Amino acid sequence: MNANLARSGKHSASRVWEWTALISGIAAVLCFGLFALIGSTLDAQGVLHEPFFLVPCGWALLFVCLTSAVASFAAKCSRSRS
């Protein structure tokens, strides 16, 4: 009984990492896509207006996505070995 509970806990941890990777990956793509879609404008005074905050947010989310994917893979590998 305890072995089944331990295995189900590892399984749920793997699922959390998978969902985190998926959601942060989609959010990263949205950040980069919105940055490209919104574009930049130049006003009459020559000031550039662009949604630059989307670029670092996109890179941070991409890092979270890749880290979560590696953690999910590691959790699956450790589960299969035990």
C-alpha atoms as a PDB file:
ATOM      1  CA  MET A   1       0.000   0.000   0.000  1.00  0.00           C
ATOM      2  CA  ASN A   2       2.771   2.472   0.908  1.00  0.00           C
ATOM      3  CA  ALA A   3       4.617   1.692  -2.329  1.00  0.00           C
ATOM      4  CA  ASN A   4       1.518   2.580  -4.337  1.00  0.00           C
ATOM      5  CA  LEU A   5       1.193   5.897  -2.526  1.00  0.00           C
ATOM      6  CA  ALA A   6       4.852   6.698  -3.126  1.00  0.00           C
ATOM      7  CA  ARG A   7       4.506   5.939  -6.826  1.00  0.00           C
ATOM      8  CA  SER A   8       1.356   8.039  -7.168  1.00  0.00           C
ATOM      9  CA  GLY A   9       3.141  10.962  -5.495  1.00  0.00           C
ATOM     10  CA  LYS A  10       5.968  10.815  -8.020  1.00  0.00           C
ATOM     11  CA  HIS A  11       3.434  10.573 -10.811  1.00  0.00           C
ATOM     12  CA  SER A  12       1.628  13.705  -9.665  1.00  0.00           C
ATOM     13  CA  ALA A  13       4.920  15.584  -9.298  1.00  0.00           C
ATOM     14  CA  SER A  14       5.740  14.722 -12.898  1.00  0.00           C
ATOM     15  CA  ARG A  15       2.319  15.991 -13.993  1.00  0.00           C
ATOM     16  CA  VAL A  16       2.846  19.299 -12.208  1.00  0.00           C
ATOM     17  CA  TRP A  17       6.134  19.821 -14.062  1.00  0.00           C
ATOM     18  CA  GLU A  18       4.463  18.902 -17.366  1.00  0.00           C
ATOM     19  CA  TRP A  19       1.643  21.393 -16.867  1.00  0.00           C
ATOM     20  CA  THR A  20       4.071  24.084 -15.740  1.00  0.00           C
ATOM     21  CA  ALA A  21       6.173  23.541 -18.869  1.00  0.00           C
ATOM     22  CA  LEU A  22       3.122  23.598 -21.132  1.00  0.00           C
ATOM     23  CA  ILE A  23       1.540  26.719 -19.674  1.00  0.00           C
ATOM     24  CA  SER A  24       4.789  28.698 -19.472  1.00  0.00           C
ATOM     25  CA  GLY A  25       5.677  27.635 -23.030  1.00  0.00           C
ATOM     26  CA  ILE A  26       2.346  28.877 -24.351  1.00  0.00           C
ATOM     27  CA  ALA A  27       2.742  32.129 -22.396  1.00  0.00           C
ATOM     28  CA  ALA A  28       6.256  32.618 -23.814  1.00  0.00           C
ATOM     29  CA  VAL A  29       5.008  32.154 -27.370  1.00  0.00           C
ATOM     30  CA  LEU A  30       2.207  34.629 -26.653  1.00  0.00           C
ATOM     31  CA  CYS A  31       4.684  37.208 -25.310  1.00  0.00           C
ATOM     32  CA  PHE A  32       6.905  36.971 -28.384  1.00  0.00           C
ATOM     33  CA  GLY A  33       3.896  36.909 -30.704  1.00  0.00           C
ATOM     34  CA  LEU A  34       2.287  39.946 -29.091  1.00  0.00           C
ATOM     35  CA  PHE A  35       5.569  41.849 -29.260  1.00  0.00           C
ATOM     36  CA  ALA A  36       5.737  41.170 -32.999  1.00  0.00           C
ATOM     37  CA  LEU A  37       2.035  41.844 -33.515  1.00  0.00           C
ATOM     38  CA  ILE A  38       1.840  45.114 -31.589  1.00  0.00           C
ATOM     39  CA  GLY A  39       4.993  46.497 -33.152  1.00  0.00           C
ATOM     40  CA  SER A  40       6.632  49.837 -32.521  1.00  0.00           C
ATOM     41  CA  THR A  41       5.446  53.350 -33.201  1.00  0.00           C
ATOM     42  CA  LEU A  42       7.243  56.662 -33.395  1.00  0.00           C
ATOM     43  CA  ASP A  43       5.347  59.724 -32.145  1.00  0.00           C
ATOM     44  CA  ALA A  44       5.649  63.309 -33.386  1.00  0.00           C
ATOM     45  CA  GLN A  45       8.425  64.144 -30.917  1.00  0.00           C
ATOM     46  CA  GLY A  46      10.521  61.202 -32.116  1.00  0.00           C
ATOM     47  CA  VAL A  47       9.930  58.992 -29.075  1.00  0.00           C
ATOM     48  CA  LEU A  48       9.802  55.277 -29.763  1.00  0.00           C
ATOM     49  CA  HIS A  49       6.873  53.422 -28.162  1.00  0.00           C
ATOM     50  CA  GLU A  50       7.097  49.643 -28.006  1.00  0.00           C
ATOM     51  CA  PRO A  51       5.979  46.909 -25.606  1.00  0.00           C
ATOM     52  CA  PHE A  52       9.562  45.990 -24.709  1.00  0.00           C
ATOM     53  CA  PHE A  53       8.525  44.396 -21.390  1.00  0.00           C
ATOM     54  CA  LEU A  54       7.180  41.440 -23.377  1.00  0.00           C
ATOM     55  CA  VAL A  55      10.673  40.405 -24.514  1.00  0.00           C
ATOM     56  CA  PRO A  56      12.222  39.729 -21.074  1.00  0.00           C
ATOM     57  CA  CYS A  57       8.941  38.195 -19.899  1.00  0.00           C
ATOM     58  CA  GLY A  58       9.009  35.870 -22.902  1.00  0.00           C
ATOM     59  CA  TRP A  59      12.608  34.825 -22.260  1.00  0.00           C
ATOM     60  CA  ALA A  60      11.918  34.242 -18.546  1.00  0.00           C
ATOM     61  CA  LEU A  61       8.869  32.118 -19.377  1.00  0.00           C
ATOM     62  CA  LEU A  62      10.873  30.177 -21.948  1.00  0.00           C
ATOM     63  CA  PHE A  63      13.512  29.469 -19.289  1.00  0.00           C
ATOM     64  CA  VAL A  64      10.794  28.259 -16.891  1.00  0.00           C
ATOM     65  CA  CYS A  65       9.365  26.078 -19.665  1.00  0.00           C
ATOM     66  CA  LEU A  66      12.691  24.418 -20.428  1.00  0.00           C
ATOM     67  CA  THR A  67      13.562  23.964 -16.756  1.00  0.00           C
ATOM     68  CA  SER A  68      10.156  22.412 -16.060  1.00  0.00           C
ATOM     69  CA  ALA A  69      10.490  20.102 -19.049  1.00  0.00           C
ATOM     70  CA  VAL A  70      13.860  18.870 -17.775  1.00  0.00           C
ATOM     71  CA  ALA A  71      12.417  18.377 -14.272  1.00  0.00           C
ATOM     72  CA  SER A  72       9.473  16.448 -15.701  1.00  0.00           C
ATOM     73  CA  PHE A  73      11.805  14.228 -17.708  1.00  0.00           C
ATOM     74  CA  ALA A  74      13.959  13.631 -14.620  1.00  0.00           C
ATOM     75  CA  ALA A  75      10.889  12.744 -12.548  1.00  0.00           C
ATOM     76  CA  LYS A  76       9.739  10.272 -15.185  1.00  0.00           C
ATOM     77  CA  CYS A  77      13.185   8.682 -15.408  1.00  0.00           C
ATOM     78  CA  SER A  78      13.482   8.336 -11.648  1.00  0.00           C
ATOM     79  CA  ARG A  79       9.991   6.848 -11.478  1.00  0.00           C
ATOM     80  CA  SER A  80      10.762   4.252 -14.146  1.00  0.00           C
ATOM     81  CA  ARG A  81      13.967   3.155 -12.371  1.00  0.00           C
ATOM     82  CA  SER A  82      12.329   2.608  -8.989  1.00  0.00           C
END
